[in-house]
Amino acid sequence: MSPILLWLLWWAPALLVVVGALVPRVRNALWIPAFAVMGSACIWAATLGYIHCLVTAPVFLAAAIATILDARAIRRIDWRITLILVLVGNALGNALEWFIAR
């Protein structure tokens, strides 16, 4: 995968997630598209054989949905829970890839 594509689809959105965690007033505006892009990119990457994306794609998409529900006041979901679940899901996905790819 090209380094530019890698930057645009994962690292730039990940940076937006970090900024959103640090700046509450822009969190929803940054997190919704960031998680949606990462989740969509992981769906595509899973078709290319990236095992961890089988776990991270639904985690990122669920995080985007959770952020939308919280932003629209449909369901209160603490942003810290969303962030923790994303970090845990990412760690589990990468651990899975590491064990399978050995």
PDB file of N, CA and C in Angstrom:
ATOM      1  N   MET A   1       0.850  -1.179   0.000  1.00  0.00           N
ATOM      2  CA  MET A   1       0.000   0.000   0.000  1.00  0.00           C
ATOM      3  C   MET A   1       0.890   1.234   0.000  1.00  0.00           C
ATOM      4  N   SER A   2       0.521   2.220  -0.769  1.00  0.00           N
ATOM      5  CA  SER A   2       1.358   3.410  -0.901  1.00  0.00           C
ATOM      6  C   SER A   2       1.380   4.206   0.405  1.00  0.00           C
ATOM      7  N   PRO A   3       2.523   4.814   0.717  1.00  0.00           N
ATOM      8  CA  PRO A   3       2.637   5.619   1.937  1.00  0.00           C
ATOM      9  C   PRO A   3       1.659   6.793   1.967  1.00  0.00           C
ATOM     10  N   ILE A   4       1.378   7.377   0.823  1.00  0.00           N
ATOM     11  CA  ILE A   4       0.431   8.511   0.771  1.00  0.00           C
ATOM     12  C   ILE A   4      -0.974   8.037   1.124  1.00  0.00           C
ATOM     13  N   LEU A   5      -1.360   6.900   0.564  1.00  0.00           N
ATOM     14  CA  LEU A   5      -2.672   6.338   0.861  1.00  0.00           C
ATOM     15  C   LEU A   5      -2.772   5.954   2.336  1.00  0.00           C
ATOM     16  N   LEU A   6      -1.722   5.364   2.845  1.00  0.00           N
ATOM     17  CA  LEU A   6      -1.676   4.998   4.260  1.00  0.00           C
ATOM     18  C   LEU A   6      -1.860   6.234   5.136  1.00  0.00           C
ATOM     19  N   TRP A   7      -1.201   7.322   4.791  1.00  0.00           N
ATOM     20  CA  TRP A   7      -1.317   8.568   5.548  1.00  0.00           C
ATOM     21  C   TRP A   7      -2.746   9.111   5.476  1.00  0.00           C
ATOM     22  N   LEU A   8      -3.310   9.166   4.284  1.00  0.00           N
ATOM     23  CA  LEU A   8      -4.639   9.762   4.102  1.00  0.00           C
ATOM     24  C   LEU A   8      -5.753   8.952   4.746  1.00  0.00           C
ATOM     25  N   LEU A   9      -5.638   7.622   4.708  1.00  0.00           N
ATOM     26  CA  LEU A   9      -6.733   6.783   5.184  1.00  0.00           C
ATOM     27  C   LEU A   9      -6.650   6.400   6.658  1.00  0.00           C
ATOM     28  N   TRP A  10      -5.448   6.433   7.236  1.00  0.00           N
ATOM     29  CA  TRP A  10      -5.341   6.025   8.640  1.00  0.00           C
ATOM     30  C   TRP A  10      -4.640   7.040   9.520  1.00  0.00           C
ATOM     31  N   TRP A  11      -3.472   7.519   9.116  1.00  0.00           N
ATOM     32  CA  TRP A  11      -2.719   8.393  10.018  1.00  0.00           C
ATOM     33  C   TRP A  11      -3.351   9.772  10.176  1.00  0.00           C
ATOM     34  N   ALA A  12      -3.814  10.379   9.095  1.00  0.00           N
ATOM     35  CA  ALA A  12      -4.474  11.681   9.203  1.00  0.00           C
ATOM     36  C   ALA A  12      -5.754  11.583  10.044  1.00  0.00           C
ATOM     37  N   PRO A  13      -6.625  10.586   9.783  1.00  0.00           N
ATOM     38  CA  PRO A  13      -7.797  10.454  10.651  1.00  0.00           C
ATOM     39  C   PRO A  13      -7.423  10.158  12.111  1.00  0.00           C
ATOM     40  N   ALA A  14      -6.383   9.363  12.325  1.00  0.00           N
ATOM     41  CA  ALA A  14      -5.948   9.076  13.702  1.00  0.00           C
ATOM     42  C   ALA A  14      -5.507  10.364  14.395  1.00  0.00           C
ATOM     43  N   LEU A  15      -4.829  11.230  13.661  1.00  0.00           N
ATOM     44  CA  LEU A  15      -4.434  12.524  14.212  1.00  0.00           C
ATOM     45  C   LEU A  15      -5.665  13.354  14.586  1.00  0.00           C
ATOM     46  N   LEU A  16      -6.707  13.294  13.744  1.00  0.00           N
ATOM     47  CA  LEU A  16      -7.952  14.012  14.050  1.00  0.00           C
ATOM     48  C   LEU A  16      -8.610  13.451  15.307  1.00  0.00           C
ATOM     49  N   VAL A  17      -8.514  12.156  15.523  1.00  0.00           N
ATOM     50  CA  VAL A  17      -9.061  11.543  16.743  1.00  0.00           C
ATOM     51  C   VAL A  17      -8.315  12.080  17.967  1.00  0.00           C
ATOM     52  N   VAL A  18      -7.005  12.178  17.874  1.00  0.00           N
ATOM     53  CA  VAL A  18      -6.211  12.709  18.994  1.00  0.00           C
ATOM     54  C   VAL A  18      -6.583  14.165  19.260  1.00  0.00           C
ATOM     55  N   VAL A  19      -6.674  14.968  18.209  1.00  0.00           N
ATOM     56  CA  VAL A  19      -7.050  16.377  18.378  1.00  0.00           C
ATOM     57  C   VAL A  19      -8.443  16.468  18.999  1.00  0.00           C
ATOM     58  N   GLY A  20      -9.368  15.653  18.519  1.00  0.00           N
ATOM     59  CA  GLY A  20     -10.725  15.651  19.079  1.00  0.00           C
ATOM     60  C   GLY A  20     -10.751  15.262  20.540  1.00  0.00           C
ATOM     61  N   ALA A  21      -9.883  14.360  20.941  1.00  0.00           N
ATOM     62  CA  ALA A  21      -9.823  13.964  22.346  1.00  0.00           C
ATOM     63  C   ALA A  21      -9.307  15.115  23.212  1.00  0.00           C
ATOM     64  N   LEU A  22      -8.463  15.956  22.643  1.00  0.00           N
ATOM     65  CA  LEU A  22      -7.871  17.062  23.397  1.00  0.00           C
ATOM     66  C   LEU A  22      -8.685  18.349  23.338  1.00  0.00           C
ATOM     67  N   VAL A  23      -9.501  18.510  22.295  1.00  0.00           N
ATOM     68  CA  VAL A  23     -10.287  19.741  22.102  1.00  0.00           C
ATOM     69  C   VAL A  23     -11.765  19.365  22.018  1.00  0.00           C
ATOM     70  N   PRO A  24     -12.457  19.375  23.145  1.00  0.00           N
ATOM     71  CA  PRO A  24     -13.847  18.896  23.189  1.00  0.00           C
ATOM     72  C   PRO A  24     -14.812  19.574  22.215  1.00  0.00           C
ATOM     73  N   ARG A  25     -14.659  20.866  21.970  1.00  0.00           N
ATOM     74  CA  ARG A  25     -15.659  21.550  21.134  1.00  0.00           C
ATOM     75  C   ARG A  25     -15.602  21.140  19.672  1.00  0.00           C
ATOM     76  N   VAL A  26     -14.506  20.508  19.233  1.00  0.00           N
ATOM     77  CA  VAL A  26     -14.428  20.041  17.843  1.00  0.00           C
ATOM     78  C   VAL A  26     -14.466  18.513  17.740  1.00  0.00           C
ATOM     79  N   ARG A  27     -14.638  17.841  18.876  1.00  0.00           N
ATOM     80  CA  ARG A  27     -14.568  16.383  18.910  1.00  0.00           C
ATOM     81  C   ARG A  27     -15.512  15.731  17.903  1.00  0.00           C
ATOM     82  N   ASN A  28     -16.785  16.061  17.970  1.00  0.00           N
ATOM     83  CA  ASN A  28     -17.756  15.405  17.082  1.00  0.00           C
ATOM     84  C   ASN A  28     -17.459  15.698  15.616  1.00  0.00           C
ATOM     85  N   ALA A  29     -17.118  16.935  15.310  1.00  0.00           N
ATOM     86  CA  ALA A  29     -16.837  17.319  13.926  1.00  0.00           C
ATOM     87  C   ALA A  29     -15.619  16.586  13.370  1.00  0.00           C
ATOM     88  N   LEU A  30     -14.684  16.233  14.230  1.00  0.00           N
ATOM     89  CA  LEU A  30     -13.493  15.512  13.785  1.00  0.00           C
ATOM     90  C   LEU A  30     -13.667  14.003  13.842  1.00  0.00           C
ATOM     91  N   TRP A  31     -14.280  13.528  14.908  1.00  0.00           N
ATOM     92  CA  TRP A  31     -14.370  12.075  15.107  1.00  0.00           C
ATOM     93  C   TRP A  31     -15.284  11.381  14.113  1.00  0.00           C
ATOM     94  N   ILE A  32     -16.414  11.969  13.800  1.00  0.00           N
ATOM     95  CA  ILE A  32     -17.360  11.289  12.903  1.00  0.00           C
ATOM     96  C   ILE A  32     -16.707  10.982  11.555  1.00  0.00           C
ATOM     97  N   PRO A  33     -16.156  11.980  10.857  1.00  0.00           N
ATOM     98  CA  PRO A  33     -15.526  11.635   9.578  1.00  0.00           C
ATOM     99  C   PRO A  33     -14.255  10.803   9.736  1.00  0.00           C
ATOM    100  N   ALA A  34     -13.488  11.027  10.802  1.00  0.00           N
ATOM    101  CA  ALA A  34     -12.246  10.266  10.989  1.00  0.00           C
ATOM    102  C   ALA A  34     -12.539   8.778  11.168  1.00  0.00           C
ATOM    103  N   PHE A  35     -13.473   8.461  12.057  1.00  0.00           N
ATOM    104  CA  PHE A  35     -13.807   7.048  12.276  1.00  0.00           C
ATOM    105  C   PHE A  35     -14.480   6.439  11.040  1.00  0.00           C
ATOM    106  N   ALA A  36     -15.300   7.221  10.348  1.00  0.00           N
ATOM    107  CA  ALA A  36     -15.959   6.712   9.137  1.00  0.00           C
ATOM    108  C   ALA A  36     -14.931   6.403   8.043  1.00  0.00           C
ATOM    109  N   VAL A  37     -13.944   7.274   7.879  1.00  0.00           N
ATOM    110  CA  VAL A  37     -12.900   7.044   6.871  1.00  0.00           C
ATOM    111  C   VAL A  37     -12.071   5.822   7.253  1.00  0.00           C
ATOM    112  N   MET A  38     -11.651   5.739   8.514  1.00  0.00           N
ATOM    113  CA  MET A  38     -10.833   4.598   8.932  1.00  0.00           C
ATOM    114  C   MET A  38     -11.609   3.287   8.807  1.00  0.00           C
ATOM    115  N   GLY A  39     -12.879   3.297   9.195  1.00  0.00           N
ATOM    116  CA  GLY A  39     -13.696   2.087   9.089  1.00  0.00           C
ATOM    117  C   GLY A  39     -13.895   1.666   7.645  1.00  0.00           C
ATOM    118  N   SER A  40     -14.190   2.623   6.784  1.00  0.00           N
ATOM    119  CA  SER A  40     -14.375   2.311   5.364  1.00  0.00           C
ATOM    120  C   SER A  40     -13.079   1.818   4.738  1.00  0.00           C
ATOM    121  N   ALA A  41     -11.981   2.448   5.094  1.00  0.00           N
ATOM    122  CA  ALA A  41     -10.675   2.023   4.573  1.00  0.00           C
ATOM    123  C   ALA A  41     -10.333   0.613   5.049  1.00  0.00           C
ATOM    124  N   CYS A  42     -10.714   0.293   6.285  1.00  0.00           N
ATOM    125  CA  CYS A  42     -10.451  -1.049   6.806  1.00  0.00           C
ATOM    126  C   CYS A  42     -11.306  -2.108   6.105  1.00  0.00           C
ATOM    127  N   ILE A  43     -12.507  -1.757   5.704  1.00  0.00           N
ATOM    128  CA  ILE A  43     -13.317  -2.706   4.928  1.00  0.00           C
ATOM    129  C   ILE A  43     -12.578  -3.043   3.644  1.00  0.00           C
ATOM    130  N   TRP A  44     -12.067  -2.027   2.973  1.00  0.00           N
ATOM    131  CA  TRP A  44     -11.311  -2.230   1.741  1.00  0.00           C
ATOM    132  C   TRP A  44     -10.030  -3.025   2.022  1.00  0.00           C
ATOM    133  N   ALA A  45      -9.300  -2.648   3.081  1.00  0.00           N
ATOM    134  CA  ALA A  45      -8.036  -3.323   3.401  1.00  0.00           C
ATOM    135  C   ALA A  45      -8.260  -4.789   3.785  1.00  0.00           C
ATOM    136  N   ALA A  46      -9.391  -5.072   4.396  1.00  0.00           N
ATOM    137  CA  ALA A  46      -9.696  -6.467   4.755  1.00  0.00           C
ATOM    138  C   ALA A  46      -9.811  -7.331   3.501  1.00  0.00           C
ATOM    139  N   THR A  47     -10.319  -6.754   2.422  1.00  0.00           N
ATOM    140  CA  THR A  47     -10.406  -7.511   1.172  1.00  0.00           C
ATOM    141  C   THR A  47      -9.029  -7.765   0.561  1.00  0.00           C
ATOM    142  N   LEU A  48      -8.036  -7.008   1.003  1.00  0.00           N
ATOM    143  CA  LEU A  48      -6.665  -7.177   0.525  1.00  0.00           C
ATOM    144  C   LEU A  48      -5.865  -8.124   1.409  1.00  0.00           C
ATOM    145  N   GLY A  49      -6.517  -8.629   2.466  1.00  0.00           N
ATOM    146  CA  GLY A  49      -5.855  -9.608   3.315  1.00  0.00           C
ATOM    147  C   GLY A  49      -5.334  -9.099   4.639  1.00  0.00           C
ATOM    148  N   TYR A  50      -5.621  -7.869   4.983  1.00  0.00           N
ATOM    149  CA  TYR A  50      -5.197  -7.337   6.278  1.00  0.00           C
ATOM    150  C   TYR A  50      -6.138  -7.882   7.356  1.00  0.00           C
ATOM    151  N   ILE A  51      -5.662  -8.874   8.084  1.00  0.00           N
ATOM    152  CA  ILE A  51      -6.493  -9.597   9.060  1.00  0.00           C
ATOM    153  C   ILE A  51      -7.027  -8.670  10.151  1.00  0.00           C
ATOM    154  N   HIS A  52      -6.193  -7.756  10.650  1.00  0.00           N
ATOM    155  CA  HIS A  52      -6.629  -6.896  11.757  1.00  0.00           C
ATOM    156  C   HIS A  52      -7.833  -6.041  11.367  1.00  0.00           C
ATOM    157  N   CYS A  53      -7.982  -5.770  10.076  1.00  0.00           N
ATOM    158  CA  CYS A  53      -9.103  -4.945   9.634  1.00  0.00           C
ATOM    159  C   CYS A  53     -10.454  -5.647   9.775  1.00  0.00           C
ATOM    160  N   LEU A  54     -10.430  -6.960   9.898  1.00  0.00           N
ATOM    161  CA  LEU A  54     -11.682  -7.681  10.165  1.00  0.00           C
ATOM    162  C   LEU A  54     -12.249  -7.293  11.527  1.00  0.00           C
ATOM    163  N   VAL A  55     -11.372  -6.898  12.437  1.00  0.00           N
ATOM    164  CA  VAL A  55     -11.795  -6.451  13.768  1.00  0.00           C
ATOM    165  C   VAL A  55     -11.956  -4.937  13.790  1.00  0.00           C
ATOM    166  N   THR A  56     -10.986  -4.212  13.238  1.00  0.00           N
ATOM    167  CA  THR A  56     -10.991  -2.755  13.390  1.00  0.00           C
ATOM    168  C   THR A  56     -12.055  -2.058  12.543  1.00  0.00           C
ATOM    169  N   ALA A  57     -12.401  -2.617  11.393  1.00  0.00           N
ATOM    170  CA  ALA A  57     -13.428  -1.961  10.564  1.00  0.00           C
ATOM    171  C   ALA A  57     -14.740  -1.785  11.324  1.00  0.00           C
ATOM    172  N   PRO A  58     -15.299  -2.853  11.914  1.00  0.00           N
ATOM    173  CA  PRO A  58     -16.544  -2.631  12.657  1.00  0.00           C
ATOM    174  C   PRO A  58     -16.361  -1.766  13.901  1.00  0.00           C
ATOM    175  N   VAL A  59     -15.190  -1.823  14.510  1.00  0.00           N
ATOM    176  CA  VAL A  59     -14.934  -0.989  15.693  1.00  0.00           C
ATOM    177  C   VAL A  59     -14.943   0.489  15.300  1.00  0.00           C
ATOM    178  N   PHE A  60     -14.236   0.840  14.230  1.00  0.00           N
ATOM    179  CA  PHE A  60     -14.201   2.237  13.789  1.00  0.00           C
ATOM    180  C   PHE A  60     -15.581   2.724  13.354  1.00  0.00           C
ATOM    181  N   LEU A  61     -16.316   1.878  12.631  1.00  0.00           N
ATOM    182  CA  LEU A  61     -17.651   2.283  12.193  1.00  0.00           C
ATOM    183  C   LEU A  61     -18.608   2.425  13.375  1.00  0.00           C
ATOM    184  N   ALA A  62     -18.481   1.538  14.355  1.00  0.00           N
ATOM    185  CA  ALA A  62     -19.303   1.660  15.569  1.00  0.00           C
ATOM    186  C   ALA A  62     -18.957   2.941  16.323  1.00  0.00           C
ATOM    187  N   ALA A  63     -17.685   3.312  16.336  1.00  0.00           N
ATOM    188  CA  ALA A  63     -17.275   4.550  17.000  1.00  0.00           C
ATOM    189  C   ALA A  63     -17.869   5.763  16.290  1.00  0.00           C
ATOM    190  N   ALA A  64     -17.918   5.729  14.965  1.00  0.00           N
ATOM    191  CA  ALA A  64     -18.540   6.832  14.218  1.00  0.00           C
ATOM    192  C   ALA A  64     -20.021   6.925  14.559  1.00  0.00           C
ATOM    193  N   ILE A  65     -20.695   5.780  14.607  1.00  0.00           N
ATOM    194  CA  ILE A  65     -22.126   5.766  14.942  1.00  0.00           C
ATOM    195  C   ILE A  65     -22.352   6.238  16.380  1.00  0.00           C
ATOM    196  N   ALA A  66     -21.522   5.773  17.298  1.00  0.00           N
ATOM    197  CA  ALA A  66     -21.654   6.199  18.703  1.00  0.00           C
ATOM    198  C   ALA A  66     -21.469   7.706  18.829  1.00  0.00           C
ATOM    199  N   THR A  67     -20.520   8.249  18.080  1.00  0.00           N
ATOM    200  CA  THR A  67     -20.278   9.693  18.131  1.00  0.00           C
ATOM    201  C   THR A  67     -21.451  10.458  17.538  1.00  0.00           C
ATOM    202  N   ILE A  68     -22.040   9.934  16.473  1.00  0.00           N
ATOM    203  CA  ILE A  68     -23.234  10.569  15.887  1.00  0.00           C
ATOM    204  C   ILE A  68     -24.385  10.556  16.894  1.00  0.00           C
ATOM    205  N   LEU A  69     -24.616   9.413  17.529  1.00  0.00           N
ATOM    206  CA  LEU A  69     -25.707   9.311  18.502  1.00  0.00           C
ATOM    207  C   LEU A  69     -25.515  10.287  19.654  1.00  0.00           C
ATOM    208  N   ASP A  70     -24.271  10.424  20.106  1.00  0.00           N
ATOM    209  CA  ASP A  70     -23.989  11.358  21.195  1.00  0.00           C
ATOM    210  C   ASP A  70     -24.122  12.805  20.722  1.00  0.00           C
ATOM    211  N   ALA A  71     -23.623  13.110  19.539  1.00  0.00           N
ATOM    212  CA  ALA A  71     -23.680  14.474  19.007  1.00  0.00           C
ATOM    213  C   ALA A  71     -25.112  14.941  18.788  1.00  0.00           C
ATOM    214  N   ARG A  72     -25.965  14.034  18.362  1.00  0.00           N
ATOM    215  CA  ARG A  72     -27.370  14.373  18.103  1.00  0.00           C
ATOM    216  C   ARG A  72     -28.249  14.244  19.350  1.00  0.00           C
ATOM    217  N   ALA A  73     -27.623  13.924  20.473  1.00  0.00           N
ATOM    218  CA  ALA A  73     -28.325  13.759  21.752  1.00  0.00           C
ATOM    219  C   ALA A  73     -29.403  12.671  21.668  1.00  0.00           C
ATOM    220  N   ILE A  74     -29.165  11.674  20.833  1.00  0.00           N
ATOM    221  CA  ILE A  74     -30.078  10.539  20.738  1.00  0.00           C
ATOM    222  C   ILE A  74     -29.783   9.566  21.866  1.00  0.00           C
ATOM    223  N   ARG A  75     -28.513   9.391  22.133  1.00  0.00           N
ATOM    224  CA  ARG A  75     -28.076   8.501  23.214  1.00  0.00           C
ATOM    225  C   ARG A  75     -26.767   9.039  23.762  1.00  0.00           C
ATOM    226  N   ARG A  76     -26.714   9.278  25.049  1.00  0.00           N
ATOM    227  CA  ARG A  76     -25.493   9.793  25.681  1.00  0.00           C
ATOM    228  C   ARG A  76     -24.467   8.672  25.770  1.00  0.00           C
ATOM    229  N   ILE A  77     -23.330   8.873  25.107  1.00  0.00           N
ATOM    230  CA  ILE A  77     -22.229   7.909  25.134  1.00  0.00           C
ATOM    231  C   ILE A  77     -20.967   8.691  25.459  1.00  0.00           C
ATOM    232  N   ASP A  78     -20.380   8.399  26.579  1.00  0.00           N
ATOM    233  CA  ASP A  78     -19.188   9.117  27.018  1.00  0.00           C
ATOM    234  C   ASP A  78     -18.061   8.918  26.006  1.00  0.00           C
ATOM    235  N   TRP A  79     -17.455  10.003  25.584  1.00  0.00           N
ATOM    236  CA  TRP A  79     -16.407   9.943  24.571  1.00  0.00           C
ATOM    237  C   TRP A  79     -15.226   9.095  25.023  1.00  0.00           C
ATOM    238  N   ARG A  80     -14.978   9.057  26.333  1.00  0.00           N
ATOM    239  CA  ARG A  80     -13.851   8.258  26.835  1.00  0.00           C
ATOM    240  C   ARG A  80     -14.100   6.766  26.623  1.00  0.00           C
ATOM    241  N   ILE A  81     -15.346   6.346  26.768  1.00  0.00           N
ATOM    242  CA  ILE A  81     -15.687   4.941  26.520  1.00  0.00           C
ATOM    243  C   ILE A  81     -15.463   4.611  25.042  1.00  0.00           C
ATOM    244  N   THR A  82     -15.917   5.505  24.181  1.00  0.00           N
ATOM    245  CA  THR A  82     -15.714   5.302  22.744  1.00  0.00           C
ATOM    246  C   THR A  82     -14.225   5.177  22.436  1.00  0.00           C
ATOM    247  N   LEU A  83     -13.433   6.077  22.973  1.00  0.00           N
ATOM    248  CA  LEU A  83     -11.999   6.063  22.703  1.00  0.00           C
ATOM    249  C   LEU A  83     -11.331   4.799  23.253  1.00  0.00           C
ATOM    250  N   ILE A  84     -11.702   4.407  24.445  1.00  0.00           N
ATOM    251  CA  ILE A  84     -11.129   3.191  25.043  1.00  0.00           C
ATOM    252  C   ILE A  84     -11.481   1.965  24.209  1.00  0.00           C
ATOM    253  N   LEU A  85     -12.733   1.865  23.776  1.00  0.00           N
ATOM    254  CA  LEU A  85     -13.141   0.722  22.952  1.00  0.00           C
ATOM    255  C   LEU A  85     -12.421   0.702  21.608  1.00  0.00           C
ATOM    256  N   VAL A  86     -12.172   1.867  21.043  1.00  0.00           N
ATOM    257  CA  VAL A  86     -11.411   1.932  19.786  1.00  0.00           C
ATOM    258  C   VAL A  86      -9.979   1.458  20.021  1.00  0.00           C
ATOM    259  N   LEU A  87      -9.366   1.908  21.098  1.00  0.00           N
ATOM    260  CA  LEU A  87      -7.989   1.498  21.397  1.00  0.00           C
ATOM    261  C   LEU A  87      -7.896  -0.001  21.678  1.00  0.00           C
ATOM    262  N   VAL A  88      -8.852  -0.525  22.446  1.00  0.00           N
ATOM    263  CA  VAL A  88      -8.862  -1.958  22.749  1.00  0.00           C
ATOM    264  C   VAL A  88      -9.121  -2.766  21.480  1.00  0.00           C
ATOM    265  N   GLY A  89     -10.087  -2.342  20.668  1.00  0.00           N
ATOM    266  CA  GLY A  89     -10.385  -3.037  19.416  1.00  0.00           C
ATOM    267  C   GLY A  89      -9.191  -3.033  18.479  1.00  0.00           C
ATOM    268  N   ASN A  90      -8.496  -1.906  18.420  1.00  0.00           N
ATOM    269  CA  ASN A  90      -7.311  -1.817  17.573  1.00  0.00           C
ATOM    270  C   ASN A  90      -6.214  -2.746  18.084  1.00  0.00           C
ATOM    271  N   ALA A  91      -6.014  -2.781  19.389  1.00  0.00           N
ATOM    272  CA  ALA A  91      -4.999  -3.671  19.968  1.00  0.00           C
ATOM    273  C   ALA A  91      -5.352  -5.138  19.719  1.00  0.00           C
ATOM    274  N   LEU A  92      -6.626  -5.490  19.890  1.00  0.00           N
ATOM    275  CA  LEU A  92      -7.048  -6.876  19.650  1.00  0.00           C
ATOM    276  C   LEU A  92      -6.886  -7.266  18.177  1.00  0.00           C
ATOM    277  N   GLY A  93      -7.251  -6.363  17.295  1.00  0.00           N
ATOM    278  CA  GLY A  93      -7.103  -6.642  15.870  1.00  0.00           C
ATOM    279  C   GLY A  93      -5.653  -6.850  15.476  1.00  0.00           C
ATOM    280  N   ASN A  94      -4.780  -6.006  15.992  1.00  0.00           N
ATOM    281  CA  ASN A  94      -3.363  -6.150  15.664  1.00  0.00           C
ATOM    282  C   ASN A  94      -2.759  -7.390  16.311  1.00  0.00           C
ATOM    283  N   ALA A  95      -3.204  -7.738  17.508  1.00  0.00           N
ATOM    284  CA  ALA A  95      -2.736  -8.975  18.144  1.00  0.00           C
ATOM    285  C   ALA A  95      -3.180 -10.190  17.323  1.00  0.00           C
ATOM    286  N   LEU A  96      -4.413 -10.151  16.837  1.00  0.00           N
ATOM    287  CA  LEU A  96      -4.927 -11.235  15.997  1.00  0.00           C
ATOM    288  C   LEU A  96      -4.066 -11.395  14.745  1.00  0.00           C
ATOM    289  N   GLU A  97      -3.778 -10.279  14.102  1.00  0.00           N
ATOM    290  CA  GLU A  97      -2.943 -10.338  12.892  1.00  0.00           C
ATOM    291  C   GLU A  97      -1.556 -10.893  13.226  1.00  0.00           C
ATOM    292  N   TRP A  98      -0.996 -10.484  14.329  1.00  0.00           N
ATOM    293  CA  TRP A  98       0.328 -10.934  14.717  1.00  0.00           C
ATOM    294  C   TRP A  98       0.338 -12.446  14.938  1.00  0.00           C
ATOM    295  N   PHE A  99      -0.674 -12.965  15.630  1.00  0.00           N
ATOM    296  CA  PHE A  99      -0.731 -14.398  15.886  1.00  0.00           C
ATOM    297  C   PHE A  99      -1.004 -15.213  14.629  1.00  0.00           C
ATOM    298  N   ILE A 100      -1.862 -14.728  13.759  1.00  0.00           N
ATOM    299  CA  ILE A 100      -2.195 -15.455  12.541  1.00  0.00           C
ATOM    300  C   ILE A 100      -1.069 -15.386  11.519  1.00  0.00           C
ATOM    301  N   ALA A 101      -0.417 -14.234  11.434  1.00  0.00           N
ATOM    302  CA  ALA A 101       0.629 -14.043  10.426  1.00  0.00           C
ATOM    303  C   ALA A 101       1.953 -14.718  10.792  1.00  0.00           C
ATOM    304  N   ARG A 102       2.086 -15.254  11.967  1.00  0.00           N
ATOM    305  CA  ARG A 102       3.346 -15.887  12.386  1.00  0.00           C
ATOM    306  C   ARG A 102       3.641 -17.075  11.581  1.00  0.00           C
TER     307      ARG A 102
END
